[in-house]
Amino acid sequence: MLRATSEDQINEQEHQVKDYSASKENDRHLFQDHVSQALAISVKERTFDMAVQKKMNTVDGISDFWAKKFISG
């Protein structure tokens, strides 16, 4: 009886260790996914900002072109 209890305790501890390991592995994957998503959002925002800046530069370039054209006659 005592031996069965000890084996049950060992089995329970092994099960808890496996559950804990699986939980930590899941946490690691969630963290990696979060970091990946944050980086992807950052890249999208930066790409958008660059596109807006390029568009503004184009508009400024056109404005400068027309201003020079009207000034020079």
Protein backbone atom coordinates (compact mmCIF):
# COMPACT_ATOMS: atom_id res chain seq x y z
CA MET A 1 0.00 0.00 0.00
CA LEU A 2 2.78 2.41 0.90
CA ARG A 3 4.60 1.57 -2.32
CA ALA A 4 1.47 2.21 -4.39
CA THR A 5 1.06 5.59 -2.75
CA SER A 6 4.69 6.47 -3.49
CA GLU A 7 4.29 5.42 -7.12
CA ASP A 8 1.09 7.45 -7.37
CA GLN A 9 2.88 10.47 -5.93
CA ILE A 10 5.76 10.02 -8.37
CA ASN A 11 3.34 9.70 -11.28
CA GLU A 12 1.46 12.79 -10.11
CA GLN A 13 4.69 14.78 -9.80
CA GLU A 14 5.79 13.67 -13.28
CA HIS A 15 2.40 14.70 -14.63
CA GLN A 16 2.71 18.11 -12.93
CA VAL A 17 6.20 18.60 -14.37
CA LYS A 18 4.93 17.75 -17.87
CA ASP A 19 2.00 20.16 -17.46
CA TYR A 20 4.34 22.89 -16.21
CA SER A 21 6.74 22.30 -19.12
CA ALA A 22 3.89 22.39 -21.62
CA SER A 23 2.59 25.60 -20.04
CA LYS A 24 6.03 27.24 -20.26
CA GLU A 25 6.39 26.15 -23.89
CA ASN A 26 2.97 27.62 -24.67
CA ASP A 27 3.95 30.88 -22.94
CA ARG A 28 7.14 31.00 -25.01
CA HIS A 29 5.18 30.57 -28.25
CA LEU A 30 2.66 33.23 -27.22
CA PHE A 31 5.50 35.64 -26.43
CA GLN A 32 7.18 34.93 -29.78
CA ASP A 33 3.87 35.46 -31.58
CA HIS A 34 3.34 38.74 -29.72
CA VAL A 35 6.83 39.98 -30.63
CA SER A 36 6.34 38.94 -34.26
CA GLN A 37 3.01 40.76 -34.45
CA ALA A 38 4.49 43.87 -32.84
CA LEU A 39 7.35 43.89 -35.34
CA ALA A 40 4.96 43.37 -38.25
CA ILE A 41 2.82 46.29 -37.09
CA SER A 42 5.93 48.45 -36.67
CA VAL A 43 7.07 47.61 -40.21
CA LYS A 44 3.60 48.37 -41.61
CA GLU A 45 3.47 51.70 -39.79
CA ARG A 46 6.94 52.64 -40.97
CA THR A 47 6.13 51.63 -44.54
CA PHE A 48 2.95 53.71 -44.40
CA ASP A 49 4.85 56.69 -42.95
CA MET A 50 7.43 56.40 -45.73
CA ALA A 51 4.68 56.23 -48.36
CA VAL A 52 3.01 59.32 -46.91
CA GLN A 53 6.34 61.16 -46.80
CA LYS A 54 7.05 60.17 -50.42
CA LYS A 55 3.60 61.40 -51.43
CA MET A 56 4.18 64.69 -49.59
CA ASN A 57 7.56 65.09 -51.28
CA THR A 58 5.93 64.45 -54.64
CA VAL A 59 3.27 67.06 -53.91
CA ASP A 60 5.97 69.50 -52.79
CA GLY A 61 7.96 68.68 -55.92
CA ILE A 62 4.97 69.42 -58.13
CA SER A 63 4.28 72.64 -56.22
CA ASP A 64 7.92 73.69 -56.61
CA PHE A 65 7.80 72.84 -60.31
CA TRP A 66 4.71 74.97 -60.92
CA ALA A 67 5.99 77.81 -58.76
CA LYS A 68 9.24 77.92 -60.73
CA LYS A 69 7.34 77.66 -64.00
CA PHE A 70 5.09 80.60 -63.13
CA ILE A 71 7.96 82.68 -61.76
CA SER A 72 10.15 82.07 -64.81
CA GLY A 73 7.19 82.73 -67.06
